[in-house]
Protein backbone atom coordinates (compact mmCIF):
# COMPACT_ATOMS: atom_id res chain seq x y z
CA MET A 1 -36.03 -46.42 30.25
CA LYS A 2 -36.15 -42.76 31.22
CA LYS A 3 -32.41 -42.69 31.66
CA ILE A 4 -31.89 -44.38 28.29
CA SER A 5 -34.20 -41.91 26.59
CA ILE A 6 -32.36 -38.94 28.07
CA LEU A 7 -29.02 -40.44 27.04
CA PHE A 8 -30.31 -41.07 23.53
CA VAL A 9 -31.56 -37.47 23.20
CA SER A 10 -28.26 -36.16 24.56
CA ILE A 11 -26.25 -38.20 22.07
CA LEU A 12 -28.56 -37.14 19.24
CA SER A 13 -28.22 -33.49 20.27
CA LEU A 14 -24.46 -33.75 20.36
CA SER A 15 -24.48 -35.43 16.95
CA ILE A 16 -26.59 -32.66 15.47
CA LEU A 17 -24.34 -30.03 17.09
CA SER A 18 -21.28 -31.79 15.74
CA VAL A 19 -22.67 -31.89 12.20
CA SER A 20 -23.64 -28.23 12.48
CA CYS A 21 -20.14 -27.29 13.65
CA ASP A 22 -18.46 -29.33 10.93
CA ALA A 23 -20.61 -27.71 8.28
CA ASP A 24 -19.37 -24.24 9.28
CA PHE A 25 -15.95 -25.30 10.57
CA GLU A 26 -13.79 -23.25 8.17
CA ASN A 27 -15.63 -20.01 8.88
CA VAL A 28 -15.96 -20.44 12.64
CA ASN A 29 -12.31 -21.41 13.15
CA LYS A 30 -10.67 -18.62 11.17
CA ASN A 31 -8.55 -16.37 13.36
CA PRO A 32 -9.36 -12.76 12.37
CA ASN A 33 -6.00 -11.68 13.78
CA ARG A 34 -4.07 -13.99 11.43
CA PRO A 35 -5.59 -13.57 7.96
CA GLU A 36 -4.45 -15.92 5.20
CA VAL A 37 -3.87 -13.01 2.82
CA VAL A 38 -3.00 -9.54 4.07
CA PRO A 39 -3.78 -6.40 2.07
CA ALA A 40 -0.88 -5.53 -0.24
CA HIS A 41 -0.23 -2.15 1.38
CA LEU A 42 0.56 -3.74 4.76
CA LEU A 43 3.78 -5.19 3.28
CA LEU A 44 5.03 -1.83 2.05
CA GLY A 45 6.36 -0.22 5.21
CA ASN A 46 8.40 -3.22 6.31
CA ILE A 47 9.99 -3.62 2.86
CA ILE A 48 11.16 0.00 2.89
CA ARG A 49 12.45 -0.18 6.47
CA ILE A 50 14.42 -3.40 5.96
CA ASN A 51 15.97 -2.17 2.73
CA GLN A 52 17.19 1.06 4.33
CA ASN A 53 18.45 -0.70 7.45
CA VAL A 54 20.76 -2.72 5.20
CA MET A 55 21.99 0.37 3.39
CA TYR A 56 22.59 2.36 6.59
CA GLY A 57 23.75 -0.48 8.84
CA MET A 58 27.22 0.44 10.11
CA GLN A 59 28.52 -3.14 9.90
CA GLN A 60 27.47 -3.10 6.25
CA GLY A 61 27.01 0.27 4.57
CA GLY A 62 29.36 1.80 7.14
CA ASP A 63 32.29 -0.62 7.26
CA MET A 64 32.17 -1.56 3.58
CA GLY A 65 30.67 1.59 2.12
CA MET A 66 31.59 4.70 4.06
CA CYS A 67 35.04 3.30 4.82
CA TRP A 68 35.77 1.93 1.33
CA SER A 69 34.74 5.26 -0.20
CA GLN A 70 37.04 6.86 2.42
CA GLN A 71 34.43 9.23 3.77
CA VAL A 72 34.82 7.66 7.21
CA SER A 73 37.75 5.95 8.92
CA LYS A 74 37.86 3.79 12.04
CA VAL A 75 40.47 4.38 14.73
CA GLN A 76 39.92 0.85 16.08
CA TYR A 77 38.40 -2.47 14.95
CA ASN A 78 39.24 -1.55 11.37
CA ASP A 79 39.66 -4.91 9.63
CA GLU A 80 36.83 -4.14 7.21
CA GLU A 81 38.35 -0.77 6.39
CA ARG A 82 41.59 -2.60 5.56
CA TYR A 83 39.65 -4.84 3.15
CA ILE A 84 39.03 -7.83 5.41
CA PRO A 85 35.22 -7.97 5.47
CA ARG A 86 33.45 -10.39 7.78
CA PRO A 87 31.58 -13.15 5.92
CA GLY A 88 28.59 -12.80 8.26
CA ALA A 89 28.12 -9.13 7.38
CA VAL A 90 28.47 -9.80 3.65
CA ASP A 91 26.11 -12.77 3.84
CA GLY A 92 23.55 -10.69 5.70
CA ILE A 93 23.19 -8.18 2.88
CA TRP A 94 22.48 -10.90 0.31
CA THR A 95 20.15 -12.86 2.56
CA THR A 96 18.14 -9.88 3.78
CA LEU A 97 17.61 -8.27 0.39
CA TYR A 98 16.54 -11.55 -1.20
CA SER A 99 14.50 -13.10 1.61
CA SER A 100 12.87 -10.00 3.06
CA VAL A 101 12.91 -7.19 0.51
CA LEU A 102 12.54 -8.97 -2.83
CA THR A 103 10.36 -11.86 -1.71
CA SER A 104 7.97 -9.51 0.07
CA SER A 105 7.96 -7.06 -2.86
CA GLN A 106 7.01 -9.83 -5.27
CA GLU A 107 4.29 -11.00 -2.92
CA MET A 108 3.01 -7.43 -2.66
CA TYR A 109 2.77 -7.29 -6.45
CA LYS A 110 0.71 -10.51 -6.59
CA ILE A 111 -1.72 -9.35 -3.92
CA ALA A 112 -1.99 -5.87 -5.45
CA ASP A 113 -2.76 -7.48 -8.79
CA SER A 114 -5.59 -9.47 -7.24
CA GLU A 115 -6.86 -6.23 -5.68
CA GLY A 116 -6.65 -4.34 -8.98
CA ASN A 117 -4.31 -1.81 -7.36
CA GLU A 118 -2.09 -0.47 -10.15
CA ASN A 119 -0.27 1.98 -7.87
CA LEU A 120 0.92 -0.71 -5.47
CA LYS A 121 1.96 -2.90 -8.39
CA GLY A 122 4.05 -0.02 -9.70
CA ILE A 123 5.55 0.67 -6.29
CA SER A 124 6.41 -3.02 -5.97
CA LEU A 125 8.34 -2.90 -9.24
CA VAL A 126 10.20 0.20 -8.07
CA LEU A 127 11.25 -1.57 -4.88
CA GLN A 128 12.28 -4.70 -6.78
CA ALA A 129 14.30 -2.76 -9.33
CA ASN A 130 16.06 -0.85 -6.56
CA ALA A 131 16.92 -4.00 -4.59
CA PHE A 132 18.13 -5.92 -7.64
CA GLN A 133 20.33 -2.97 -8.61
CA ILE A 134 21.83 -2.85 -5.13
CA LEU A 135 22.59 -6.57 -5.28
CA THR A 136 24.12 -6.63 -8.74
CA ASP A 137 26.14 -3.48 -8.04
CA LEU A 138 27.55 -5.07 -4.89
CA TYR A 139 28.16 -8.63 -6.08
CA GLY A 140 28.03 -8.82 -9.91
CA PRO A 141 26.06 -11.61 -11.63
CA ILE A 142 23.18 -12.68 -9.38
CA PRO A 143 20.03 -14.84 -9.46
CA PHE A 144 17.43 -12.74 -11.25
CA LYS A 145 15.17 -14.55 -13.72
CA GLU A 146 14.92 -17.70 -11.60
CA PHE A 147 14.75 -16.00 -8.22
CA ASN A 148 11.67 -17.05 -6.25
CA VAL A 149 10.46 -19.40 -8.98
CA PRO A 150 8.30 -22.09 -7.33
CA ASN A 151 10.06 -25.39 -6.66
CA ASN A 152 13.42 -23.99 -7.74
CA VAL A 153 15.68 -23.80 -4.70
CA LYS A 154 18.87 -23.50 -6.75
CA PRO A 155 18.33 -20.53 -9.06
CA ALA A 156 20.79 -19.81 -11.84
CA TYR A 157 22.81 -16.61 -11.93
CA ASP A 158 22.30 -14.01 -14.66
CA THR A 159 24.90 -11.69 -16.12
CA GLN A 160 24.87 -8.08 -15.04
CA GLU A 161 23.83 -7.25 -18.58
CA GLU A 162 20.67 -9.34 -18.21
CA VAL A 163 19.97 -8.00 -14.73
CA TYR A 164 20.21 -4.41 -15.91
CA LYS A 165 17.93 -5.06 -18.86
CA GLY A 166 15.43 -6.46 -16.40
CA ILE A 167 15.81 -3.47 -14.07
CA LEU A 168 15.19 -1.02 -16.92
CA LYS A 169 12.07 -2.93 -17.96
CA MET A 170 10.75 -3.00 -14.39
CA LEU A 171 11.10 0.76 -14.12
CA THR A 172 9.45 1.31 -17.50
CA ASP A 173 6.56 -0.91 -16.44
CA ALA A 174 6.36 0.84 -13.06
CA ASP A 175 6.02 4.21 -14.77
CA ALA A 176 3.12 2.93 -16.89
CA LEU A 177 1.34 1.50 -13.85
CA LEU A 178 1.83 4.60 -11.72
CA ALA A 179 0.72 6.86 -14.58
CA SER A 180 -2.80 5.46 -14.22
CA ASN A 181 -2.83 6.49 -10.53
CA THR A 182 -5.32 3.71 -9.81
CA GLY A 183 -5.56 2.19 -6.36
CA ASP A 184 -5.26 3.44 -2.81
CA VAL A 185 -1.87 3.75 -1.11
CA PRO A 186 -2.65 4.36 2.59
CA THR A 187 -0.51 7.03 4.19
CA THR A 188 0.10 4.85 7.24
CA SER A 189 1.80 2.18 5.13
CA ASP A 190 3.77 4.45 2.81
CA LEU A 191 6.78 5.53 4.87
CA VAL A 192 8.30 7.44 1.95
CA TYR A 193 5.65 9.50 0.18
CA LYS A 194 2.57 9.18 2.43
CA GLY A 195 0.45 7.74 -0.35
CA ASP A 196 1.44 10.17 -3.12
CA ALA A 197 1.63 7.97 -6.22
CA THR A 198 2.82 10.87 -8.40
CA LYS A 199 6.00 11.05 -6.34
CA TRP A 200 6.51 7.30 -6.62
CA ARG A 201 6.30 7.81 -10.37
CA LYS A 202 9.04 10.44 -10.15
CA LEU A 203 11.13 7.97 -8.16
CA ALA A 204 10.60 5.28 -10.81
CA ASN A 205 11.82 7.60 -13.57
CA SER A 206 14.67 9.00 -11.49
CA LEU A 207 15.87 5.47 -10.67
CA HIS A 208 15.64 4.78 -14.41
CA LEU A 209 17.97 7.73 -15.02
CA LYS A 210 20.32 6.44 -12.33
CA ALA A 211 20.42 2.96 -13.89
CA LEU A 212 21.15 4.42 -17.34
CA MET A 213 23.99 6.56 -16.03
CA ARG A 214 25.37 3.66 -13.99
CA ILE A 215 25.85 1.63 -17.20
CA SER A 216 26.49 4.56 -19.53
CA LYS A 217 29.98 3.37 -20.48
CA VAL A 218 28.82 -0.10 -21.49
CA ALA A 219 25.14 0.31 -22.40
CA GLY A 220 25.83 -0.26 -26.09
CA GLU A 221 26.67 -3.87 -25.25
CA ILE A 222 22.99 -4.46 -24.42
CA ASP A 223 21.64 -2.27 -27.25
CA VAL A 224 20.63 0.57 -24.94
CA ASN A 225 21.19 4.07 -26.30
CA VAL A 226 21.71 6.10 -23.15
CA SER A 227 21.37 9.44 -24.92
CA THR A 228 18.03 8.49 -26.48
CA GLU A 229 16.65 7.07 -23.25
CA VAL A 230 17.78 9.99 -21.09
CA LYS A 231 16.24 12.45 -23.54
CA LYS A 232 12.94 10.56 -23.26
CA LEU A 233 13.00 10.78 -19.48
CA VAL A 234 13.77 14.49 -19.51
CA ALA A 235 11.12 15.22 -22.16
CA ALA A 236 8.45 13.29 -20.23
CA GLY A 237 8.93 15.62 -17.26
CA ASN A 238 8.53 13.02 -14.54
CA LEU A 239 11.91 13.26 -12.83
CA MET A 240 12.48 14.70 -9.36
CA THR A 241 12.45 18.51 -9.39
CA SER A 242 13.04 19.51 -5.76
CA ASN A 243 14.09 18.15 -2.38
CA ALA A 244 10.41 17.52 -1.69
CA ASP A 245 10.62 14.72 -4.27
CA SER A 246 13.57 12.96 -2.62
CA ALA A 247 12.81 9.40 -1.59
CA GLN A 248 13.73 8.85 2.02
CA LEU A 249 12.62 6.95 5.09
CA ASN A 250 12.12 9.21 8.09
CA TYR A 251 13.41 7.26 11.05
CA LEU A 252 11.98 7.66 14.55
CA ALA A 253 13.61 9.06 17.67
CA ALA A 254 14.27 5.81 19.53
CA GLN A 255 15.68 2.39 18.78
CA PRO A 256 14.85 -0.03 17.24
CA ASP A 257 13.24 2.40 14.79
CA ALA A 258 16.05 4.97 14.75
CA ASN A 259 18.60 5.43 11.98
CA PRO A 260 21.14 2.57 12.20
CA ILE A 261 24.05 5.04 12.31
CA TYR A 262 22.69 6.41 15.59
CA GLU A 263 21.86 2.95 16.88
CA THR A 264 25.46 1.77 16.39
CA VAL A 265 27.56 4.84 17.12
CA VAL A 266 25.50 6.51 19.86
CA PHE A 267 23.22 3.90 21.39
CA GLY A 268 25.78 1.14 20.85
CA ALA A 269 28.68 3.39 21.96
CA ARG A 270 30.83 2.47 18.94
CA GLU A 271 32.80 5.71 18.84
CA GLU A 272 35.61 4.37 16.66
CA TYR A 273 33.89 5.78 13.57
CA LYS A 274 35.55 9.09 12.61
CA VAL A 275 35.43 11.32 9.57
CA SER A 276 38.37 10.52 7.30
CA SER A 277 41.28 12.82 6.58
CA ILE A 278 40.36 12.60 2.89
CA MET A 279 36.92 14.09 3.51
CA VAL A 280 38.11 16.70 6.02
CA ASP A 281 40.93 17.88 3.74
CA LYS A 282 38.61 18.08 0.73
CA LEU A 283 36.02 20.17 2.58
CA VAL A 284 38.60 22.44 4.21
CA GLY A 285 40.27 23.04 0.85
CA SER A 286 37.08 24.37 -0.70
CA ASN A 287 35.72 26.21 2.35
CA ASP A 288 32.77 23.85 2.31
CA PRO A 289 30.25 24.71 5.06
CA ARG A 290 29.12 21.10 5.15
CA LEU A 291 32.27 20.29 7.16
CA GLY A 292 30.59 21.41 10.37
CA VAL A 293 27.60 19.21 9.56
CA PHE A 294 29.51 16.08 8.58
CA ALA A 295 32.05 16.31 11.40
CA SER A 296 32.48 17.52 14.97
CA PRO A 297 35.39 19.82 15.95
CA ILE A 298 38.07 18.33 18.16
CA ASP A 299 38.52 21.46 20.29
CA ASN A 300 36.87 24.70 21.34
CA ALA A 301 38.73 26.55 18.58
CA GLY A 302 36.67 24.76 15.96
CA ASN A 303 39.48 22.68 14.47
CA TYR A 304 38.80 19.43 12.63
CA ALA A 305 41.05 16.41 12.19
CA GLY A 306 40.35 13.35 10.08
CA ASN A 307 41.80 9.92 10.62
CA ILE A 308 44.03 8.61 7.83
CA PRO A 309 42.15 5.66 6.26
CA GLY A 310 43.57 2.34 7.45
CA THR A 311 45.38 3.81 10.45
CA GLU A 312 44.51 2.49 13.89
CA ASN A 313 44.64 5.09 16.66
CA SER A 314 42.86 3.24 19.43
CA GLY A 315 44.35 5.38 22.17
CA ASN A 316 43.44 8.68 20.57
CA TYR A 317 39.69 8.66 20.06
CA ASP A 318 39.35 12.32 20.99
CA ASP A 319 42.04 13.50 18.58
CA PHE A 320 39.87 12.88 15.51
CA SER A 321 36.57 14.34 14.41
CA ALA A 322 33.51 12.24 15.12
CA LEU A 323 30.49 12.37 12.86
CA GLY A 324 28.50 15.57 13.25
CA ASP A 325 25.34 15.79 15.32
CA PHE A 326 23.13 15.81 12.21
CA TYR A 327 24.46 12.39 11.15
CA LEU A 328 24.18 11.00 14.67
CA ASP A 329 20.58 12.10 15.06
CA PRO A 330 18.23 9.10 15.44
CA THR A 331 15.81 10.72 12.97
CA LEU A 332 18.41 11.18 10.19
CA PRO A 333 16.50 10.28 7.00
CA GLY A 334 17.46 7.07 5.23
CA VAL A 335 17.83 8.25 1.64
CA ILE A 336 16.81 5.91 -1.18
CA LEU A 337 17.46 8.49 -3.91
CA SER A 338 17.79 12.25 -3.56
CA TYR A 339 16.89 15.11 -5.85
CA ALA A 340 20.54 16.27 -5.54
CA GLN A 341 21.78 12.96 -6.96
CA VAL A 342 19.35 13.25 -9.88
CA GLU A 343 20.72 16.72 -10.68
CA PHE A 344 24.28 15.39 -10.67
CA TYR A 345 23.25 12.68 -13.14
CA LEU A 346 21.70 15.32 -15.38
CA ALA A 347 24.87 17.41 -15.09
CA GLU A 348 26.91 14.42 -16.17
CA ALA A 349 24.48 13.65 -18.99
CA ALA A 350 24.77 17.22 -20.28
CA ASN A 351 28.56 17.13 -20.01
CA GLU A 352 28.69 13.83 -21.93
CA GLY A 353 26.44 15.16 -24.70
CA PHE A 354 23.54 12.86 -23.88
CA LEU A 355 21.03 15.71 -23.78
CA THR A 356 21.87 17.61 -26.96
CA GLY A 357 24.33 15.49 -28.90
CA THR A 358 27.33 17.61 -27.86
CA ASN A 359 28.75 18.34 -24.46
CA ASP A 360 26.86 21.30 -23.03
CA LEU A 361 28.87 22.91 -20.25
CA VAL A 362 26.25 25.58 -19.64
CA ALA A 363 23.50 23.01 -18.96
CA ALA A 364 25.96 20.85 -17.04
CA ALA A 365 26.87 23.76 -14.76
CA ASP A 366 23.21 24.57 -14.15
CA HIS A 367 22.36 21.01 -13.08
CA TYR A 368 25.61 20.76 -11.10
CA ASN A 369 24.84 23.94 -9.17
CA LYS A 370 21.31 22.72 -8.47
CA GLY A 371 22.69 19.41 -7.17
CA ILE A 372 25.12 21.12 -4.80
CA THR A 373 22.48 23.57 -3.58
CA ALA A 374 19.97 20.78 -2.99
CA ASN A 375 22.45 18.78 -0.94
CA MET A 376 23.55 21.81 1.05
CA THR A 377 19.88 22.54 1.77
CA PHE A 378 19.39 18.95 2.95
CA ASN A 379 22.34 19.48 5.29
CA GLY A 380 20.94 22.74 6.64
CA VAL A 381 23.47 25.11 5.01
CA GLY A 382 21.61 26.04 1.84
CA ALA A 383 22.01 29.77 2.49
CA SER A 384 25.76 29.37 1.95
CA ALA A 385 25.37 27.78 -1.48
CA PRO A 386 25.66 30.93 -3.69
CA ALA A 387 29.05 31.87 -2.22
CA PHE A 388 30.27 28.28 -2.17
CA LEU A 389 29.51 27.80 -5.89
CA THR A 390 32.12 30.45 -6.71
CA GLU A 391 34.96 28.65 -4.91
CA PRO A 392 37.82 27.83 -7.33
CA ASP A 393 37.67 24.11 -6.44
CA VAL A 394 33.94 24.10 -7.20
CA LEU A 395 33.45 26.39 -10.20
CA PHE A 396 33.78 24.79 -13.65
CA SER A 397 36.95 25.87 -15.48
CA GLY A 398 35.38 25.50 -18.93
CA THR A 399 36.56 22.05 -19.99
CA GLN A 400 34.67 18.79 -20.22
CA ALA A 401 37.38 16.97 -18.27
CA ASP A 402 37.27 19.48 -15.42
CA ALA A 403 33.48 19.30 -15.35
CA LYS A 404 33.56 15.50 -15.16
CA LYS A 405 35.99 15.63 -12.24
CA LYS A 406 34.03 18.22 -10.29
CA ILE A 407 30.67 16.52 -10.87
CA GLY A 408 32.14 13.24 -9.61
CA GLU A 409 33.68 14.87 -6.55
CA GLN A 410 30.54 16.74 -5.59
CA MET A 411 28.47 13.58 -6.07
CA TRP A 412 30.84 11.83 -3.65
CA ILE A 413 30.51 14.61 -1.07
CA SER A 414 26.72 14.72 -1.41
CA LEU A 415 26.49 11.00 -0.70
CA PHE A 416 28.06 11.35 2.75
CA GLY A 417 26.28 8.93 5.07
CA GLN A 418 25.04 6.78 2.18
CA GLY A 419 27.92 4.33 2.36
CA PHE A 420 27.20 1.79 -0.35
CA GLU A 421 25.94 4.41 -2.79
CA ALA A 422 29.02 6.58 -2.23
CA TRP A 423 31.33 3.61 -2.80
CA THR A 424 29.40 2.53 -5.89
CA GLU A 425 29.49 5.98 -7.48
CA TRP A 426 33.21 6.22 -6.72
CA ARG A 427 33.74 2.85 -8.42
CA ARG A 428 31.89 4.19 -11.46
CA THR A 429 33.41 7.67 -11.80
CA GLY A 430 36.81 7.29 -10.16
CA PHE A 431 36.36 10.66 -8.41
CA PRO A 432 37.84 11.79 -6.16
CA ALA A 433 41.17 10.13 -6.87
CA LEU A 434 41.64 7.69 -3.99
CA LEU A 435 44.47 5.33 -3.09
CA PRO A 436 44.12 2.06 -1.17
CA VAL A 437 44.20 2.55 2.59
CA VAL A 438 47.45 2.21 4.45
CA ASN A 439 47.91 -1.15 6.17
CA ALA A 440 45.63 -2.83 3.62
CA ALA A 441 45.21 -6.59 3.87
CA PRO A 442 48.17 -8.55 2.47
CA GLY A 443 47.83 -9.01 -1.26
CA VAL A 444 45.11 -6.37 -1.69
CA THR A 445 46.62 -3.57 -3.75
CA THR A 446 43.46 -1.87 -5.01
CA ILE A 447 40.30 -0.52 -3.39
CA PRO A 448 37.65 -3.28 -3.47
CA SER A 449 35.42 -3.47 -6.53
CA ARG A 450 32.74 -5.78 -5.14
CA LEU A 451 31.68 -8.08 -2.30
CA PHE A 452 32.32 -11.80 -2.36
CA TYR A 453 29.28 -14.04 -2.74
CA ASN A 454 27.13 -15.34 0.10
CA THR A 455 28.86 -18.36 1.67
CA SER A 456 25.59 -20.30 1.70
CA GLU A 457 25.53 -20.13 -2.09
CA VAL A 458 28.86 -21.92 -2.21
CA THR A 459 27.45 -24.72 -0.07
CA PHE A 460 23.81 -25.06 -1.13
CA ASN A 461 23.74 -23.68 -4.67
CA ASN A 462 27.21 -24.69 -5.75
CA ALA A 463 26.61 -25.41 -9.43
CA SER A 464 24.87 -22.09 -9.98
CA TYR A 465 27.50 -20.33 -7.90
CA ASN A 466 30.33 -21.75 -10.01
CA ALA A 467 28.53 -20.75 -13.19
CA GLY A 468 28.03 -17.28 -11.71
CA VAL A 469 31.76 -16.91 -11.08
CA VAL A 470 32.34 -17.75 -14.74
CA LEU A 471 29.92 -14.95 -15.68
CA LEU A 472 31.82 -12.65 -13.34
CA LYS A 473 34.88 -13.17 -15.55
CA GLY A 474 37.20 -13.25 -12.60
CA PRO A 475 37.64 -14.98 -9.24
CA ASP A 476 35.13 -14.52 -6.44
CA GLU A 477 37.30 -11.89 -4.77
CA ILE A 478 36.70 -8.32 -3.69
CA THR A 479 39.11 -6.93 -6.30
CA THR A 480 37.40 -8.44 -9.36
CA ARG A 481 35.91 -5.60 -11.40
CA LEU A 482 32.25 -5.48 -12.39
CA TRP A 483 30.83 -5.23 -15.91
CA TRP A 484 30.07 -1.49 -15.81
CA MET A 485 33.44 -0.52 -14.32
CA LYS A 486 35.18 0.48 -17.55
């Protein structure tokens, strides 16, 4: 009987313990190291890093950005430069921006909303607008309104017109949210502005200016008056005003957190990337001190030699100028948008009459000079700017056409290292005048206008893909022109 009594008590005790554990099961068994919902700010740093790694990746922004804008040329392994891009590299841009940057940005917005953090909501919209603009400027019509809609695994494509209207609204909404300056943005999570919401607001408005200028030739088709909207942005006074406002990710000194240019060219020993003859000749012709920053001399006499775009010189690596030390530094900043670029947009706006109703060459020259000076300062040669601005190839001649050409050319130079952005601005302005590379792929007679769509879309979202190609108004090929390329 004693044994039975002990057994009974033991069973009863275990039963009570079991009930007690079950009653508090959800609390006791939560892993504090794997929370169900993370704070919104913890998503921020990774979104920024992934976005910039795509833009600066040499198999992406290098091969199909720096090479297609003819800032850089490859002396070997140059299929991409000759307009034969690898599907895997093209697919990776689409997949990464959608699955990692945009999905995480939208999740950050939802969590920030639940936290009542208006600043992080605004920052999320800035990041989304930027990523959507990159995608539509690279591919054309893209999934926008139906992207990441629950239970919709085959989102429809939207026209570039619709995407741009959405981008402009996002940036307007971001400005309103950031104007309240409500909510903490921890410095440890903000890899761009260290928690300064006022600078994020400047980025939102400066990206708004960029989007307006990007579509300035066709904006009337979506009932956007570029002049009116640019005037509003200028009058509000919330655009970038110095290099301290530039949006950039400061990379670290060692891989895998170094700038991707360094990681490929130096750490990966891919020395086939050389400065192009087009860039070298342009800088030499105007006595541009940035030449010694962009490129390395090929001899002790300080001579520079660029590779002719499309030409393979696999046995002569040392005969052509490599990228300069500044651009091979692991800590080279990954620029999202620079103050210099904003000044070039304002110069163009003044020259086009968007600021006053008539083309204002005086205002255009002022903004143009500020843009050049800002970029030269970024490149460590700012002290040479006053003399450089008087060079005949740099100084405005007094005509709107000359101003347009010089603004476009200096924008192109200032975007050295920012492959996709340099190629995109060249596609928009047409400056400098470039010809297709020698030895271009058979049948390709023009510099590419876009990337072809992600191959997974053809397979798994075929109906939407086909409808998207119709919206593209041309075949899914790299030479089909985009909506804003008038």
